[in-house]
Amino acid sequence: MSSSATTTKPATSESTPEQVAKAALPTKFGRFAIYGFRGAGPNEEAVALVRGKLPAASVNASGGKKKGSASKKAPLVRVHSQCLTGDVLTSLRCDCRAQLELALRKIGKAESGVLLYLPQDGGMDTVEANESLGFAADARDYDFSAQILKALGATRIRLLSNNPEKVRQLESAGIEVVERVPCQPRISKISRAYLKTKKKKMGHLLDV
């Protein structure tokens, strides 16, 4: 995000994320608006890629004000936790990069959508990151994610996820998930063991 395109929007309450940056982001998956958000907690930072007009939002992918009536179709949303080895270094042990690209491709073809990118501890995959800290295999809290979606106007969504716990937590935080859309890319021989672990330990709905 270039400094010339950066704006600051102060939070109106402790629970409302602060929008700290905004810029246009053309990608091979389509044109997005990219937003930087920061919360009150020490690790509450996230990036949101927004595609199209969100039903109840005051912004759209061109950065302008929304006009007209709300879209009848709920936006397609992916809440993606950072995986350095997968997303950036293209590790085949996990399916993180494949899921990220699949989500971007689907959102890029949708009428509207959001990819919310969240930091992960130590660049490890989800199971390793939590277990190394002595937590359950999936001990993530999606309240901050829900607050960002609310700030963007995405309170009624179609969620790209294989994780029923993510659906439950977002709904508990006030986000209406009208549909869970599977996000399972092609499985490789190397990643199969990791996916079986996610299915067994975290209850992910996977065909492995």
N, C-alpha and C. Protein backbone atom coordinates (compact mmCIF):
# COMPACT_ATOMS: atom_id res chain seq x y z
N MET A 1 0.84 -1.18 0.00
CA MET A 1 0.00 0.00 0.00
C MET A 1 0.88 1.24 0.00
N SER A 2 0.72 2.12 -0.95
CA SER A 2 1.57 3.29 -1.03
C SER A 2 1.14 4.31 0.00
N SER A 3 2.11 5.12 0.46
CA SER A 3 1.81 6.11 1.48
C SER A 3 0.90 7.19 0.95
N SER A 4 0.93 7.46 -0.36
CA SER A 4 0.09 8.50 -0.94
C SER A 4 -1.37 8.11 -0.92
N ALA A 5 -1.66 6.81 -0.85
CA ALA A 5 -3.04 6.35 -0.87
C ALA A 5 -3.54 6.05 0.53
N THR A 6 -2.71 6.35 1.54
CA THR A 6 -3.05 5.99 2.90
C THR A 6 -3.90 7.06 3.56
N THR A 7 -4.95 6.63 4.24
CA THR A 7 -5.79 7.53 5.00
C THR A 7 -5.98 6.96 6.38
N THR A 8 -6.38 7.78 7.32
CA THR A 8 -6.63 7.32 8.68
C THR A 8 -8.03 7.68 9.08
N LYS A 9 -8.78 6.70 9.58
CA LYS A 9 -10.14 6.90 10.05
C LYS A 9 -10.20 6.44 11.50
N PRO A 10 -10.32 7.36 12.45
CA PRO A 10 -10.30 6.98 13.86
C PRO A 10 -11.46 6.10 14.23
N ALA A 11 -11.22 5.17 15.18
CA ALA A 11 -12.29 4.29 15.64
C ALA A 11 -13.28 5.09 16.48
N THR A 12 -14.56 4.70 16.41
CA THR A 12 -15.59 5.38 17.16
C THR A 12 -15.79 4.75 18.52
N SER A 13 -15.29 3.54 18.73
CA SER A 13 -15.37 2.89 20.03
C SER A 13 -14.27 1.86 20.12
N GLU A 14 -14.06 1.30 21.31
CA GLU A 14 -12.98 0.34 21.51
C GLU A 14 -13.19 -0.91 20.68
N SER A 15 -14.42 -1.26 20.40
CA SER A 15 -14.70 -2.49 19.67
C SER A 15 -14.71 -2.27 18.16
N THR A 16 -14.62 -1.04 17.70
CA THR A 16 -14.64 -0.74 16.28
C THR A 16 -13.22 -0.65 15.74
N PRO A 17 -12.85 -1.47 14.76
CA PRO A 17 -11.48 -1.41 14.22
C PRO A 17 -11.21 -0.05 13.58
N GLU A 18 -9.97 0.37 13.64
CA GLU A 18 -9.54 1.62 13.02
C GLU A 18 -9.05 1.34 11.61
N GLN A 19 -9.61 2.03 10.63
CA GLN A 19 -9.13 1.90 9.27
C GLN A 19 -7.91 2.80 9.11
N VAL A 20 -6.76 2.19 8.82
CA VAL A 20 -5.51 2.95 8.78
C VAL A 20 -4.95 3.12 7.38
N ALA A 21 -5.49 2.40 6.40
CA ALA A 21 -4.98 2.52 5.03
C ALA A 21 -6.04 2.07 4.03
N LYS A 22 -5.93 2.61 2.82
CA LYS A 22 -6.83 2.22 1.74
C LYS A 22 -6.15 2.50 0.41
N ALA A 23 -6.27 1.58 -0.55
CA ALA A 23 -5.69 1.78 -1.87
C ALA A 23 -6.38 0.86 -2.86
N ALA A 24 -6.23 1.16 -4.14
CA ALA A 24 -6.70 0.26 -5.20
C ALA A 24 -5.67 -0.84 -5.38
N LEU A 25 -6.14 -2.06 -5.63
CA LEU A 25 -5.23 -3.20 -5.81
C LEU A 25 -5.68 -4.06 -6.99
N PRO A 26 -5.09 -3.82 -8.17
CA PRO A 26 -5.36 -4.72 -9.31
C PRO A 26 -4.56 -6.01 -9.16
N THR A 27 -5.20 -7.16 -9.36
CA THR A 27 -4.53 -8.46 -9.25
C THR A 27 -4.90 -9.32 -10.45
N LYS A 28 -4.27 -10.47 -10.56
CA LYS A 28 -4.61 -11.39 -11.64
C LYS A 28 -5.98 -12.00 -11.43
N PHE A 29 -6.55 -11.83 -10.23
CA PHE A 29 -7.88 -12.36 -9.93
C PHE A 29 -8.97 -11.30 -10.08
N GLY A 30 -8.56 -10.07 -10.39
CA GLY A 30 -9.52 -8.98 -10.54
C GLY A 30 -9.07 -7.75 -9.78
N ARG A 31 -9.88 -6.71 -9.86
CA ARG A 31 -9.57 -5.46 -9.18
C ARG A 31 -10.22 -5.44 -7.80
N PHE A 32 -9.44 -5.07 -6.80
CA PHE A 32 -9.91 -5.00 -5.42
C PHE A 32 -9.58 -3.63 -4.84
N ALA A 33 -10.25 -3.29 -3.75
CA ALA A 33 -9.80 -2.22 -2.87
C ALA A 33 -9.17 -2.90 -1.67
N ILE A 34 -8.00 -2.43 -1.24
CA ILE A 34 -7.32 -3.03 -0.10
C ILE A 34 -7.37 -2.06 1.07
N TYR A 35 -7.77 -2.57 2.23
CA TYR A 35 -7.90 -1.77 3.45
C TYR A 35 -7.01 -2.36 4.54
N GLY A 36 -6.40 -1.49 5.32
CA GLY A 36 -5.67 -1.92 6.50
C GLY A 36 -6.48 -1.56 7.73
N PHE A 37 -6.62 -2.52 8.66
CA PHE A 37 -7.37 -2.29 9.89
C PHE A 37 -6.50 -2.61 11.10
N ARG A 38 -6.75 -1.87 12.17
CA ARG A 38 -6.05 -2.11 13.43
C ARG A 38 -7.06 -2.05 14.57
N GLY A 39 -6.95 -3.02 15.51
CA GLY A 39 -7.83 -3.05 16.66
C GLY A 39 -7.12 -2.58 17.91
N ALA A 40 -7.79 -2.74 19.04
CA ALA A 40 -7.23 -2.29 20.32
C ALA A 40 -6.19 -3.27 20.87
N GLY A 41 -6.30 -4.55 20.51
CA GLY A 41 -5.39 -5.57 21.03
C GLY A 41 -4.03 -5.52 20.36
N PRO A 42 -3.01 -6.12 20.99
CA PRO A 42 -1.64 -6.07 20.46
C PRO A 42 -1.47 -6.80 19.13
N ASN A 43 -2.27 -7.83 18.88
CA ASN A 43 -2.16 -8.59 17.63
C ASN A 43 -3.34 -8.37 16.70
N GLU A 44 -4.12 -7.33 16.96
CA GLU A 44 -5.31 -7.09 16.16
C GLU A 44 -4.98 -6.19 14.97
N GLU A 45 -4.47 -6.82 13.92
CA GLU A 45 -4.20 -6.15 12.66
C GLU A 45 -4.68 -7.06 11.55
N ALA A 46 -5.17 -6.47 10.48
CA ALA A 46 -5.67 -7.28 9.38
C ALA A 46 -5.72 -6.45 8.10
N VAL A 47 -5.73 -7.15 6.99
CA VAL A 47 -5.89 -6.54 5.68
C VAL A 47 -7.17 -7.10 5.07
N ALA A 48 -7.96 -6.23 4.46
CA ALA A 48 -9.20 -6.67 3.80
C ALA A 48 -9.15 -6.29 2.33
N LEU A 49 -9.37 -7.27 1.46
CA LEU A 49 -9.50 -7.02 0.03
C LEU A 49 -10.99 -7.05 -0.28
N VAL A 50 -11.50 -5.95 -0.83
CA VAL A 50 -12.93 -5.82 -1.09
C VAL A 50 -13.18 -5.79 -2.58
N ARG A 51 -14.13 -6.60 -3.00
CA ARG A 51 -14.50 -6.71 -4.41
C ARG A 51 -15.95 -6.24 -4.58
N GLY A 52 -16.17 -5.29 -5.48
CA GLY A 52 -17.53 -4.86 -5.76
C GLY A 52 -18.15 -4.05 -4.65
N LYS A 53 -19.47 -3.89 -4.70
CA LYS A 53 -20.20 -3.12 -3.70
C LYS A 53 -20.76 -4.06 -2.64
N LEU A 54 -20.47 -3.76 -1.40
CA LEU A 54 -21.02 -4.53 -0.30
C LEU A 54 -22.41 -4.01 0.06
N PRO A 55 -23.33 -4.91 0.41
CA PRO A 55 -24.74 -4.54 0.57
C PRO A 55 -25.02 -3.36 1.47
N ALA A 56 -24.36 -3.29 2.63
CA ALA A 56 -24.69 -2.22 3.57
C ALA A 56 -23.49 -1.33 3.84
N ALA A 57 -22.50 -1.37 2.96
CA ALA A 57 -21.28 -0.63 3.22
C ALA A 57 -21.36 0.79 2.70
N SER A 58 -20.51 1.64 3.23
CA SER A 58 -20.40 3.02 2.76
C SER A 58 -19.27 3.16 1.75
N VAL A 59 -18.59 2.04 1.42
CA VAL A 59 -17.50 2.07 0.46
C VAL A 59 -17.69 0.94 -0.54
N ASN A 60 -17.04 1.06 -1.71
CA ASN A 60 -17.01 -0.03 -2.67
C ASN A 60 -15.59 -0.18 -3.19
N ALA A 61 -15.39 -1.07 -4.14
CA ALA A 61 -14.04 -1.40 -4.58
C ALA A 61 -13.31 -0.25 -5.27
N SER A 62 -14.02 0.79 -5.69
CA SER A 62 -13.38 1.94 -6.28
C SER A 62 -13.10 3.02 -5.24
N GLY A 63 -13.53 2.74 -3.98
CA GLY A 63 -13.28 3.69 -2.91
C GLY A 63 -14.32 4.77 -2.78
N GLY A 64 -15.37 4.73 -3.62
CA GLY A 64 -16.41 5.75 -3.59
C GLY A 64 -17.56 5.39 -2.70
N LYS A 65 -18.53 6.29 -2.61
CA LYS A 65 -19.72 6.05 -1.81
C LYS A 65 -20.66 5.12 -2.54
N LYS A 66 -21.32 4.27 -1.79
CA LYS A 66 -22.28 3.35 -2.37
C LYS A 66 -23.54 4.09 -2.76
N LYS A 67 -24.14 3.73 -3.91
CA LYS A 67 -25.39 4.31 -4.37
C LYS A 67 -26.37 3.20 -4.67
N GLY A 68 -27.64 3.53 -4.60
CA GLY A 68 -28.66 2.56 -4.98
C GLY A 68 -28.98 1.59 -3.87
N SER A 69 -29.87 0.64 -4.17
CA SER A 69 -30.31 -0.32 -3.18
C SER A 69 -29.28 -1.40 -2.96
N ALA A 70 -29.38 -2.08 -1.83
CA ALA A 70 -28.43 -3.13 -1.48
C ALA A 70 -28.57 -4.32 -2.41
N SER A 71 -27.46 -4.97 -2.66
CA SER A 71 -27.48 -6.17 -3.49
C SER A 71 -28.29 -7.25 -2.80
N LYS A 72 -29.04 -8.00 -3.59
CA LYS A 72 -29.87 -9.07 -3.03
C LYS A 72 -29.03 -10.27 -2.64
N LYS A 73 -27.83 -10.39 -3.23
CA LYS A 73 -27.00 -11.56 -2.97
C LYS A 73 -25.93 -11.23 -1.95
N ALA A 74 -25.81 -12.06 -0.94
CA ALA A 74 -24.81 -11.82 0.11
C ALA A 74 -23.41 -11.92 -0.47
N PRO A 75 -22.48 -11.08 -0.03
CA PRO A 75 -21.10 -11.14 -0.54
C PRO A 75 -20.40 -12.42 -0.13
N LEU A 76 -19.45 -12.84 -0.97
CA LEU A 76 -18.67 -14.03 -0.71
C LEU A 76 -17.45 -13.63 0.11
N VAL A 77 -17.25 -14.27 1.27
CA VAL A 77 -16.22 -13.84 2.21
C VAL A 77 -15.31 -15.00 2.58
N ARG A 78 -14.02 -14.71 2.62
CA ARG A 78 -13.03 -15.65 3.11
C ARG A 78 -12.25 -14.99 4.24
N VAL A 79 -12.19 -15.63 5.41
CA VAL A 79 -11.36 -15.17 6.53
C VAL A 79 -10.15 -16.08 6.55
N HIS A 80 -8.99 -15.56 6.14
CA HIS A 80 -7.80 -16.38 5.91
C HIS A 80 -6.70 -16.01 6.89
N SER A 81 -6.19 -16.99 7.63
CA SER A 81 -5.08 -16.77 8.55
C SER A 81 -3.75 -16.93 7.83
N GLN A 82 -2.87 -15.99 8.05
CA GLN A 82 -1.55 -15.98 7.41
C GLN A 82 -0.79 -17.27 7.65
N CYS A 83 -0.14 -17.76 6.61
CA CYS A 83 0.78 -18.89 6.72
C CYS A 83 2.01 -18.55 5.88
N LEU A 84 3.07 -18.13 6.52
CA LEU A 84 4.27 -17.69 5.80
C LEU A 84 4.82 -18.79 4.90
N THR A 85 4.95 -20.00 5.43
CA THR A 85 5.55 -21.07 4.64
C THR A 85 4.66 -21.47 3.47
N GLY A 86 3.35 -21.41 3.65
CA GLY A 86 2.45 -21.78 2.58
C GLY A 86 2.14 -20.63 1.63
N ASP A 87 1.65 -19.50 2.18
CA ASP A 87 1.22 -18.37 1.35
C ASP A 87 2.37 -17.77 0.56
N VAL A 88 3.54 -17.63 1.20
CA VAL A 88 4.66 -16.91 0.58
C VAL A 88 5.71 -17.86 0.01
N LEU A 89 6.10 -18.87 0.80
CA LEU A 89 7.19 -19.76 0.39
C LEU A 89 6.72 -21.00 -0.36
N THR A 90 5.42 -21.09 -0.61
CA THR A 90 4.78 -22.13 -1.43
C THR A 90 5.01 -23.55 -0.91
N SER A 91 5.04 -23.71 0.41
CA SER A 91 5.18 -25.05 0.97
C SER A 91 4.03 -25.94 0.52
N LEU A 92 4.35 -27.19 0.24
CA LEU A 92 3.33 -28.16 -0.16
C LEU A 92 2.80 -28.97 1.02
N ARG A 93 3.33 -28.73 2.22
CA ARG A 93 2.87 -29.47 3.40
C ARG A 93 1.43 -29.11 3.76
N CYS A 94 1.05 -27.86 3.50
CA CYS A 94 -0.31 -27.42 3.82
C CYS A 94 -1.01 -26.98 2.54
N ASP A 95 -2.29 -26.63 2.69
CA ASP A 95 -3.07 -26.17 1.54
C ASP A 95 -3.36 -24.68 1.62
N CYS A 96 -2.57 -23.94 2.43
CA CYS A 96 -2.88 -22.54 2.70
C CYS A 96 -2.84 -21.66 1.45
N ARG A 97 -1.76 -21.76 0.67
CA ARG A 97 -1.67 -20.94 -0.55
C ARG A 97 -2.74 -21.34 -1.55
N ALA A 98 -2.97 -22.65 -1.68
CA ALA A 98 -3.99 -23.12 -2.62
C ALA A 98 -5.37 -22.60 -2.22
N GLN A 99 -5.66 -22.59 -0.91
CA GLN A 99 -6.93 -22.05 -0.42
C GLN A 99 -7.01 -20.55 -0.67
N LEU A 100 -5.91 -19.84 -0.44
CA LEU A 100 -5.88 -18.39 -0.66
C LEU A 100 -6.18 -18.06 -2.12
N GLU A 101 -5.51 -18.76 -3.03
CA GLU A 101 -5.72 -18.49 -4.45
C GLU A 101 -7.11 -18.90 -4.91
N LEU A 102 -7.61 -20.01 -4.39
CA LEU A 102 -8.97 -20.44 -4.73
C LEU A 102 -9.99 -19.40 -4.26
N ALA A 103 -9.79 -18.89 -3.04
CA ALA A 103 -10.70 -17.88 -2.51
C ALA A 103 -10.65 -16.60 -3.35
N LEU A 104 -9.46 -16.14 -3.70
CA LEU A 104 -9.33 -14.94 -4.50
C LEU A 104 -9.97 -15.12 -5.88
N ARG A 105 -9.82 -16.31 -6.44
CA ARG A 105 -10.41 -16.58 -7.74
C ARG A 105 -11.94 -16.55 -7.67
N LYS A 106 -12.49 -17.17 -6.63
CA LYS A 106 -13.95 -17.20 -6.48
C LYS A 106 -14.51 -15.81 -6.17
N ILE A 107 -13.84 -15.08 -5.28
CA ILE A 107 -14.30 -13.73 -4.94
C ILE A 107 -14.16 -12.80 -6.14
N GLY A 108 -13.09 -12.99 -6.91
CA GLY A 108 -12.89 -12.18 -8.10
C GLY A 108 -13.97 -12.35 -9.14
N LYS A 109 -14.63 -13.50 -9.13
CA LYS A 109 -15.71 -13.77 -10.08
C LYS A 109 -17.09 -13.43 -9.51
N ALA A 110 -17.13 -13.15 -8.21
CA ALA A 110 -18.41 -12.87 -7.55
C ALA A 110 -18.83 -11.43 -7.77
N GLU A 111 -20.12 -11.17 -7.55
CA GLU A 111 -20.64 -9.81 -7.65
C GLU A 111 -19.99 -8.90 -6.60
N SER A 112 -19.79 -9.44 -5.41
CA SER A 112 -19.13 -8.70 -4.35
C SER A 112 -18.52 -9.69 -3.37
N GLY A 113 -17.51 -9.24 -2.63
CA GLY A 113 -16.90 -10.14 -1.68
C GLY A 113 -15.76 -9.49 -0.91
N VAL A 114 -15.26 -10.24 0.08
CA VAL A 114 -14.17 -9.76 0.93
C VAL A 114 -13.22 -10.90 1.22
N LEU A 115 -11.93 -10.64 1.10
CA LEU A 115 -10.94 -11.56 1.63
C LEU A 115 -10.27 -10.86 2.80
N LEU A 116 -10.46 -11.41 3.99
CA LEU A 116 -9.88 -10.85 5.20
C LEU A 116 -8.64 -11.65 5.56
N TYR A 117 -7.48 -10.98 5.59
CA TYR A 117 -6.19 -11.66 5.80
C TYR A 117 -5.68 -11.30 7.18
N LEU A 118 -5.53 -12.33 8.03
CA LEU A 118 -5.18 -12.13 9.45
C LEU A 118 -3.78 -12.67 9.74
N PRO A 119 -3.05 -12.04 10.66
CA PRO A 119 -1.71 -12.54 11.03
C PRO A 119 -1.79 -13.85 11.78
N GLN A 120 -0.76 -14.67 11.64
CA GLN A 120 -0.68 -15.96 12.33
C GLN A 120 0.62 -16.01 13.10
N ASP A 121 0.61 -16.65 14.25
CA ASP A 121 1.81 -16.70 15.10
C ASP A 121 2.94 -17.46 14.45
N GLY A 122 4.07 -16.77 14.26
CA GLY A 122 5.32 -17.44 13.89
C GLY A 122 5.39 -17.99 12.48
N GLY A 123 4.39 -17.72 11.64
CA GLY A 123 4.42 -18.19 10.28
C GLY A 123 4.17 -19.68 10.13
N MET A 124 3.72 -20.34 11.22
CA MET A 124 3.45 -21.77 11.15
C MET A 124 2.04 -22.01 10.65
N ASP A 125 1.73 -23.25 10.30
CA ASP A 125 0.36 -23.54 9.91
C ASP A 125 -0.52 -23.49 11.16
N THR A 126 -1.82 -23.50 10.95
CA THR A 126 -2.78 -23.28 12.04
C THR A 126 -2.62 -24.27 13.18
N VAL A 127 -2.51 -25.54 12.87
CA VAL A 127 -2.39 -26.56 13.91
C VAL A 127 -1.11 -26.36 14.70
N GLU A 128 0.04 -26.19 14.01
CA GLU A 128 1.32 -26.02 14.68
C GLU A 128 1.36 -24.76 15.55
N ALA A 129 0.81 -23.67 15.02
CA ALA A 129 0.87 -22.39 15.73
C ALA A 129 0.15 -22.46 17.07
N ASN A 130 -1.00 -23.08 17.10
CA ASN A 130 -1.75 -23.17 18.34
C ASN A 130 -1.16 -24.19 19.31
N GLU A 131 -0.77 -25.33 18.81
CA GLU A 131 -0.26 -26.37 19.70
C GLU A 131 1.10 -25.98 20.29
N SER A 132 1.90 -25.20 19.56
CA SER A 132 3.19 -24.76 20.08
C SER A 132 3.01 -23.81 21.26
N LEU A 133 1.86 -23.14 21.33
CA LEU A 133 1.56 -22.23 22.42
C LEU A 133 0.78 -22.90 23.54
N GLY A 134 0.52 -24.20 23.40
CA GLY A 134 -0.20 -24.93 24.43
C GLY A 134 -1.71 -24.78 24.32
N PHE A 135 -2.20 -24.27 23.18
CA PHE A 135 -3.63 -24.11 22.99
C PHE A 135 -4.20 -25.34 22.28
N ALA A 136 -5.52 -25.37 22.17
CA ALA A 136 -6.17 -26.40 21.36
C ALA A 136 -5.76 -26.18 19.90
N ALA A 137 -5.98 -27.20 19.08
CA ALA A 137 -5.56 -27.12 17.68
C ALA A 137 -6.16 -25.93 16.97
N ASP A 138 -7.39 -25.54 17.33
CA ASP A 138 -7.98 -24.34 16.76
C ASP A 138 -8.56 -23.52 17.89
N ALA A 139 -7.80 -22.55 18.37
CA ALA A 139 -8.25 -21.70 19.47
C ALA A 139 -8.38 -20.25 19.02
N ARG A 140 -8.63 -20.03 17.74
CA ARG A 140 -8.72 -18.69 17.21
C ARG A 140 -10.03 -18.02 17.64
N ASP A 141 -9.96 -16.70 17.77
CA ASP A 141 -11.12 -15.90 18.14
C ASP A 141 -11.46 -15.01 16.95
N TYR A 142 -12.68 -15.13 16.45
CA TYR A 142 -13.06 -14.40 15.25
C TYR A 142 -13.85 -13.13 15.54
N ASP A 143 -13.82 -12.64 16.78
CA ASP A 143 -14.55 -11.43 17.12
C ASP A 143 -13.99 -10.22 16.36
N PHE A 144 -12.65 -10.12 16.28
CA PHE A 144 -12.03 -9.02 15.55
C PHE A 144 -12.40 -9.09 14.06
N SER A 145 -12.42 -10.29 13.52
CA SER A 145 -12.81 -10.47 12.12
C SER A 145 -14.25 -9.99 11.91
N ALA A 146 -15.12 -10.34 12.83
CA ALA A 146 -16.52 -9.94 12.73
C ALA A 146 -16.66 -8.42 12.79
N GLN A 147 -15.86 -7.77 13.65
CA GLN A 147 -15.93 -6.31 13.76
C GLN A 147 -15.50 -5.64 12.45
N ILE A 148 -14.49 -6.20 11.78
CA ILE A 148 -14.06 -5.64 10.49
C ILE A 148 -15.15 -5.82 9.44
N LEU A 149 -15.75 -7.02 9.40
CA LEU A 149 -16.82 -7.26 8.44
C LEU A 149 -17.98 -6.30 8.67
N LYS A 150 -18.30 -6.04 9.93
CA LYS A 150 -19.36 -5.08 10.24
C LYS A 150 -18.98 -3.68 9.77
N ALA A 151 -17.72 -3.30 9.98
CA ALA A 151 -17.26 -1.98 9.55
C ALA A 151 -17.35 -1.83 8.04
N LEU A 152 -17.16 -2.93 7.32
CA LEU A 152 -17.25 -2.91 5.86
C LEU A 152 -18.69 -3.02 5.38
N GLY A 153 -19.61 -3.37 6.28
CA GLY A 153 -21.01 -3.53 5.91
C GLY A 153 -21.39 -4.94 5.53
N ALA A 154 -20.47 -5.88 5.70
CA ALA A 154 -20.73 -7.28 5.34
C ALA A 154 -21.25 -8.03 6.56
N THR A 155 -22.50 -7.79 6.92
CA THR A 155 -23.10 -8.43 8.09
C THR A 155 -23.91 -9.67 7.72
N ARG A 156 -24.14 -9.88 6.45
CA ARG A 156 -24.87 -11.05 5.94
C ARG A 156 -24.03 -11.61 4.80
N ILE A 157 -23.43 -12.79 5.00
CA ILE A 157 -22.40 -13.25 4.07
C ILE A 157 -22.57 -14.71 3.65
N ARG A 158 -21.91 -15.04 2.55
CA ARG A 158 -21.65 -16.44 2.18
C ARG A 158 -20.19 -16.68 2.52
N LEU A 159 -19.91 -17.66 3.38
CA LEU A 159 -18.57 -17.85 3.92
C LEU A 159 -17.84 -18.98 3.21
N LEU A 160 -16.68 -18.65 2.65
CA LEU A 160 -15.79 -19.65 2.05
C LEU A 160 -14.99 -20.31 3.16
N SER A 161 -15.39 -21.49 3.59
CA SER A 161 -14.71 -22.13 4.71
C SER A 161 -15.08 -23.61 4.79
N ASN A 162 -14.14 -24.39 5.33
CA ASN A 162 -14.40 -25.79 5.65
C ASN A 162 -14.56 -25.99 7.15
N ASN A 163 -14.55 -24.88 7.89
CA ASN A 163 -14.48 -24.93 9.34
C ASN A 163 -15.82 -24.54 9.98
N PRO A 164 -16.58 -25.49 10.51
CA PRO A 164 -17.87 -25.16 11.14
C PRO A 164 -17.71 -24.29 12.38
N GLU A 165 -16.57 -24.36 13.06
CA GLU A 165 -16.34 -23.52 14.24
C GLU A 165 -16.22 -22.05 13.85
N LYS A 166 -15.65 -21.79 12.68
CA LYS A 166 -15.55 -20.42 12.18
C LYS A 166 -16.95 -19.86 11.91
N VAL A 167 -17.81 -20.68 11.35
CA VAL A 167 -19.20 -20.27 11.11
C VAL A 167 -19.87 -19.93 12.44
N ARG A 168 -19.69 -20.81 13.42
CA ARG A 168 -20.34 -20.62 14.72
C ARG A 168 -19.86 -19.34 15.40
N GLN A 169 -18.54 -19.11 15.38
CA GLN A 169 -18.00 -17.93 16.06
C GLN A 169 -18.42 -16.63 15.38
N LEU A 170 -18.42 -16.61 14.06
CA LEU A 170 -18.84 -15.39 13.36
C LEU A 170 -20.31 -15.09 13.63
N GLU A 171 -21.13 -16.14 13.64
CA GLU A 171 -22.55 -15.93 13.92
C GLU A 171 -22.75 -15.46 15.36
N SER A 172 -21.96 -15.98 16.30
CA SER A 172 -22.05 -15.55 17.69
C SER A 172 -21.64 -14.09 17.84
N ALA A 173 -20.78 -13.61 16.92
CA ALA A 173 -20.32 -12.22 16.96
C ALA A 173 -21.21 -11.29 16.16
N GLY A 174 -22.33 -11.81 15.64
CA GLY A 174 -23.30 -10.95 14.98
C GLY A 174 -23.27 -10.95 13.47
N ILE A 175 -22.53 -11.88 12.85
CA ILE A 175 -22.50 -11.99 11.39
C ILE A 175 -23.45 -13.12 10.97
N GLU A 176 -24.35 -12.83 10.07
CA GLU A 176 -25.29 -13.85 9.58
C GLU A 176 -24.64 -14.61 8.41
N VAL A 177 -24.36 -15.88 8.60
CA VAL A 177 -23.79 -16.72 7.54
C VAL A 177 -24.93 -17.44 6.85
N VAL A 178 -25.32 -16.97 5.68
CA VAL A 178 -26.47 -17.54 4.98
C VAL A 178 -26.10 -18.81 4.22
N GLU A 179 -24.79 -18.99 3.97
CA GLU A 179 -24.33 -20.18 3.25
C GLU A 179 -22.86 -20.41 3.55
N ARG A 180 -22.50 -21.68 3.79
CA ARG A 180 -21.09 -22.05 3.89
C ARG A 180 -20.68 -22.64 2.55
N VAL A 181 -19.71 -22.01 1.91
CA VAL A 181 -19.23 -22.45 0.60
C VAL A 181 -17.92 -23.20 0.81
N PRO A 182 -17.82 -24.47 0.41
CA PRO A 182 -16.57 -25.22 0.60
C PRO A 182 -15.38 -24.54 -0.05
N CYS A 183 -14.22 -24.63 0.59
CA CYS A 183 -12.99 -24.04 0.06
C CYS A 183 -11.90 -25.11 0.11
N GLN A 184 -12.04 -26.12 -0.75
CA GLN A 184 -11.09 -27.23 -0.77
C GLN A 184 -10.45 -27.35 -2.14
N PRO A 185 -9.19 -26.91 -2.26
CA PRO A 185 -8.47 -27.09 -3.52
C PRO A 185 -8.06 -28.54 -3.72
N ARG A 186 -7.42 -28.80 -4.82
CA ARG A 186 -6.96 -30.16 -5.13
C ARG A 186 -5.94 -30.62 -4.08
N ILE A 187 -6.09 -31.85 -3.62
CA ILE A 187 -5.23 -32.41 -2.57
C ILE A 187 -4.01 -33.08 -3.19
N SER A 188 -2.84 -32.79 -2.61
CA SER A 188 -1.62 -33.44 -3.08
C SER A 188 -1.23 -34.55 -2.11
N LYS A 189 -0.34 -35.42 -2.53
CA LYS A 189 0.13 -36.50 -1.66
C LYS A 189 0.83 -35.93 -0.43
N ILE A 190 1.51 -34.79 -0.60
CA ILE A 190 2.26 -34.20 0.51
C ILE A 190 1.34 -33.56 1.53
N SER A 191 0.27 -32.90 1.06
CA SER A 191 -0.61 -32.18 1.98
C SER A 191 -1.69 -33.06 2.61
N ARG A 192 -1.84 -34.28 2.12
CA ARG A 192 -2.94 -35.13 2.59
C ARG A 192 -2.88 -35.37 4.11
N ALA A 193 -1.68 -35.61 4.64
CA ALA A 193 -1.54 -35.88 6.07
C ALA A 193 -1.96 -34.67 6.90
N TYR A 194 -1.56 -33.48 6.46
CA TYR A 194 -1.92 -32.25 7.16
C TYR A 194 -3.44 -32.05 7.15
N LEU A 195 -4.07 -32.32 6.02
CA LEU A 195 -5.52 -32.14 5.91
C LEU A 195 -6.27 -33.16 6.77
N LYS A 196 -5.72 -34.35 6.86
CA LYS A 196 -6.34 -35.35 7.75
C LYS A 196 -6.27 -34.89 9.20
N THR A 197 -5.15 -34.23 9.56
CA THR A 197 -5.01 -33.70 10.91
C THR A 197 -6.04 -32.60 11.16
N LYS A 198 -6.25 -31.72 10.19
CA LYS A 198 -7.24 -30.66 10.34
C LYS A 198 -8.65 -31.24 10.49
N LYS A 199 -8.91 -32.30 9.75
CA LYS A 199 -10.22 -32.94 9.83
C LYS A 199 -10.43 -33.61 11.18
N LYS A 200 -9.38 -34.30 11.67
CA LYS A 200 -9.50 -35.05 12.92
C LYS A 200 -9.46 -34.15 14.15
N LYS A 201 -8.50 -33.21 14.20
CA LYS A 201 -8.30 -32.39 15.39
C LYS A 201 -9.18 -31.15 15.44
N MET A 202 -9.54 -30.63 14.26
CA MET A 202 -10.24 -29.35 14.21
C MET A 202 -11.66 -29.46 13.66
N GLY A 203 -12.03 -30.66 13.22
CA GLY A 203 -13.40 -30.86 12.75
C GLY A 203 -13.72 -30.22 11.42
N HIS A 204 -12.68 -29.97 10.61
CA HIS A 204 -12.93 -29.37 9.30
C HIS A 204 -13.66 -30.36 8.39
N LEU A 205 -14.54 -29.83 7.56
CA LEU A 205 -15.33 -30.64 6.65
C LEU A 205 -14.56 -30.81 5.36
N LEU A 206 -13.75 -31.89 5.32
CA LEU A 206 -12.86 -32.12 4.19
C LEU A 206 -13.08 -33.51 3.62
N ASP A 207 -12.90 -33.61 2.33
CA ASP A 207 -13.00 -34.90 1.65
C ASP A 207 -11.59 -35.44 1.45
N VAL A 208 -11.06 -36.11 2.51
CA VAL A 208 -9.70 -36.68 2.43
C VAL A 208 -9.73 -38.14 2.86
